[in-house]
């Protein structure tokens, strides 16, 4: 399993405005982007919030297959998408030949060539969703509008362990 739909819940602060100039990745303090209610609920579930990364995908774009960071050790993020919902795909590597790279925003990743990958999972992100970010993945935005993905990052982010913490989510948001 590479994803888990948590809830139909918007964690974004209603006063936060998405910047209109294009940058693929922006990094924010959780307090700037998330509502105080969302921060409280996540902390109540034991999350040590680090940052919120805002990924912007241009219209009609397929992003490069990659792993967040520099290892294949399980790591998760909680994503919430605005506009151009698009598809998130995960892949099995046929060839693990890759080099560590760093984005202009200072985030590390390992890119892969599509010919070295076989698709194993896919989801159209339409809810607050837990995603595995250390299995190779990419985004397809088939919409005619920009896709904005708020990716909540936190300490102790092993996917399976995080999934167990989220079992109580519906009790906190309902």
Protein backbone atom coordinates (compact mmCIF):
# COMPACT_ATOMS: atom_id res chain seq x y z
CA UNK A 1 0.00 0.00 0.00
CA UNK A 2 1.35 3.40 -1.02
CA UNK A 3 -1.52 5.64 0.07
CA UNK A 4 -4.40 5.92 2.52
CA UNK A 5 -7.25 8.38 2.10
CA UNK A 6 -7.60 9.92 5.56
CA UNK A 7 -10.65 12.15 5.28
CA UNK A 8 -12.53 14.66 3.20
CA UNK A 9 -10.96 17.48 5.23
CA UNK A 10 -9.27 20.75 4.25
CA UNK A 11 -6.33 21.45 6.63
CA UNK A 12 -5.33 24.74 5.00
CA UNK A 13 -5.67 28.06 6.84
CA UNK A 14 -8.47 30.01 5.11
CA UNK A 15 -6.27 33.14 5.12
CA UNK A 16 -3.37 31.46 3.27
CA UNK A 17 -3.06 32.66 -0.33
CA UNK A 18 -1.32 30.52 -2.94
CA UNK A 19 1.39 32.61 -4.64
CA UNK A 20 0.59 33.27 -8.29
CA UNK A 21 4.17 33.23 -9.60
CA UNK A 22 5.34 29.76 -10.65
CA UNK A 23 7.85 27.93 -8.46
CA UNK A 24 7.85 24.10 -8.45
CA UNK A 25 8.49 23.81 -4.69
CA UNK A 26 8.00 26.20 -1.80
CA UNK A 27 8.64 25.50 1.89
CA UNK A 28 6.62 26.92 4.78
CA UNK A 29 6.32 26.67 8.52
CA UNK A 30 3.17 24.64 9.37
CA UNK A 31 1.77 27.64 11.26
CA UNK A 32 1.77 29.73 8.07
CA UNK A 33 -0.19 27.24 5.94
CA UNK A 34 -2.25 24.97 8.19
CA UNK A 35 -5.30 25.95 10.19
CA UNK A 36 -4.87 25.99 13.96
CA UNK A 37 -7.54 23.25 14.14
CA UNK A 38 -5.56 20.99 11.77
CA UNK A 39 -2.31 21.62 13.68
CA UNK A 40 -4.05 20.77 16.95
CA UNK A 41 -5.52 17.54 15.58
CA UNK A 42 -2.20 16.43 14.07
CA UNK A 43 -0.31 17.18 17.29
CA UNK A 44 -3.01 15.34 19.27
CA UNK A 45 -2.23 12.30 17.09
CA UNK A 46 1.48 12.60 17.98
CA UNK A 47 2.79 14.32 14.86
CA UNK A 48 5.92 16.46 15.26
CA UNK A 49 5.29 18.87 12.38
CA UNK A 50 8.40 20.08 10.53
CA UNK A 51 7.18 21.93 7.45
CA UNK A 52 4.64 22.12 4.65
CA UNK A 53 5.99 21.85 1.13
CA UNK A 54 3.85 23.35 -1.62
CA UNK A 55 4.36 21.57 -4.95
CA UNK A 56 3.08 23.36 -8.04
CA UNK A 57 2.56 21.30 -11.20
CA UNK A 58 1.93 23.11 -14.45
CA UNK A 59 -1.15 22.26 -16.55
CA UNK A 60 -0.93 19.15 -18.76
CA UNK A 61 2.34 17.98 -17.20
CA UNK A 62 3.87 14.63 -16.23
CA UNK A 63 6.54 15.00 -13.54
CA UNK A 64 9.71 12.95 -13.42
CA UNK A 65 9.65 9.69 -11.46
CA UNK A 66 11.57 10.18 -8.22
CA UNK A 67 11.99 9.32 -4.54
CA UNK A 68 11.92 12.09 -1.93
CA UNK A 69 15.26 12.19 -0.10
CA UNK A 70 18.25 9.94 -0.60
CA UNK A 71 17.06 6.50 0.56
CA UNK A 72 14.37 3.90 0.00
CA UNK A 73 13.55 3.63 3.73
CA UNK A 74 9.81 4.13 4.21
CA UNK A 75 8.80 7.77 4.67
CA UNK A 76 5.36 9.31 4.42
CA UNK A 77 3.75 12.70 3.95
CA UNK A 78 0.17 13.89 4.26
CA UNK A 79 -0.94 15.54 1.03
CA UNK A 80 -3.84 17.83 0.23
CA UNK A 81 -4.42 18.91 -3.38
CA UNK A 82 -6.07 22.09 -4.67
CA UNK A 83 -7.00 22.50 -8.37
CA UNK A 84 -5.94 20.04 -11.09
CA UNK A 85 -6.34 16.99 -8.84
CA UNK A 86 -4.35 14.77 -11.21
CA UNK A 87 -2.96 11.31 -10.54
CA UNK A 88 -0.16 10.12 -8.29
CA UNK A 89 1.58 6.94 -9.52
CA UNK A 90 4.04 4.63 -7.75
CA UNK A 91 6.59 2.41 -9.46
CA UNK A 92 8.74 -0.65 -8.95
CA UNK A 93 12.32 -0.04 -10.03
CA UNK A 94 13.72 -2.33 -12.71
CA UNK A 95 17.10 -0.59 -12.47
CA UNK A 96 18.14 1.36 -9.33
CA UNK A 97 20.69 3.49 -11.13
CA UNK A 98 20.15 7.03 -9.85
CA UNK A 99 22.05 9.95 -8.38
CA UNK A 100 21.02 12.13 -5.46
CA UNK A 101 19.95 15.64 -6.50
CA UNK A 102 18.78 18.78 -4.72
CA UNK A 103 15.96 21.08 -5.86
CA UNK A 104 16.26 24.87 -5.96
CA UNK A 105 14.20 24.86 -2.73
CA UNK A 106 16.85 22.72 -1.02
CA UNK A 107 14.89 19.45 -0.91
CA UNK A 108 16.71 16.24 -1.81
CA UNK A 109 15.47 13.61 -4.25
CA UNK A 110 16.57 10.73 -6.47
CA UNK A 111 15.26 10.87 -10.07
CA UNK A 112 14.66 7.82 -12.28
CA UNK A 113 14.12 7.23 -15.98
CA UNK A 114 10.65 5.94 -16.94
CA UNK A 115 12.18 3.02 -18.89
CA UNK A 116 13.64 1.76 -15.59
CA UNK A 117 10.25 1.68 -13.83
CA UNK A 118 7.04 -0.36 -13.83
CA UNK A 119 3.81 1.19 -12.49
CA UNK A 120 2.44 -0.64 -9.42
CA UNK A 121 -0.11 1.73 -7.88
CA UNK A 122 -2.10 4.87 -8.66
CA UNK A 123 -4.61 7.24 -7.02
CA UNK A 124 -6.45 10.42 -7.93
CA UNK A 125 -5.85 12.58 -4.88
CA UNK A 126 -9.11 14.23 -3.89
CA UNK A 127 -8.97 13.98 -0.08
CA UNK A 128 -6.43 14.49 2.67
CA UNK A 129 -4.19 11.50 1.88
CA UNK A 130 -1.23 9.74 3.49
CA UNK A 131 1.33 8.93 0.77
CA UNK A 132 4.55 6.91 0.65
CA UNK A 133 7.29 9.20 -0.69
CA UNK A 134 10.25 6.78 -0.71
CA UNK A 135 8.73 4.47 -3.29
CA UNK A 136 9.40 5.92 -6.74
CA UNK A 137 6.45 8.11 -7.73
CA UNK A 138 5.33 10.91 -10.03
CA UNK A 139 2.36 13.16 -10.76
CA UNK A 140 0.26 13.50 -13.89
CA UNK A 141 -1.69 16.74 -14.15
CA UNK A 142 -4.03 16.39 -17.14
CA UNK A 143 -5.97 19.51 -16.16
CA UNK A 144 -5.79 22.84 -17.91
CA UNK A 145 -5.02 24.52 -14.56
CA UNK A 146 -2.13 24.50 -12.13
CA UNK A 147 -2.16 21.73 -9.51
CA UNK A 148 -1.16 22.75 -5.97
CA UNK A 149 -0.22 20.00 -3.53
CA UNK A 150 0.30 20.86 0.13
CA UNK A 151 2.60 18.17 1.53
CA UNK A 152 2.73 18.08 5.33
CA UNK A 153 6.12 16.82 6.56
CA UNK A 154 6.83 15.54 10.07
CA UNK A 155 9.35 13.55 12.14
CA UNK A 156 9.03 9.77 12.57
CA UNK A 157 7.33 9.39 9.20
CA UNK A 158 7.50 5.62 8.52
CA UNK A 159 4.38 4.88 6.43
CA UNK A 160 3.10 1.87 8.42
CA UNK A 161 3.64 3.55 11.79
CA UNK A 162 1.96 6.74 10.57
CA UNK A 163 -1.00 4.76 9.24
CA UNK A 164 -1.57 3.32 12.73
CA UNK A 165 -1.62 6.84 14.22
CA UNK A 166 -4.19 7.95 11.67
CA UNK A 167 -6.75 5.32 12.63
CA UNK A 168 -8.11 7.84 15.15
CA UNK A 169 -8.36 10.69 12.60
CA UNK A 170 -12.11 10.44 11.93
CA UNK A 171 -12.81 10.65 15.66
CA UNK A 172 -10.99 14.01 15.75
CA UNK A 173 -12.43 15.67 12.64
CA UNK A 174 -16.05 14.57 13.01
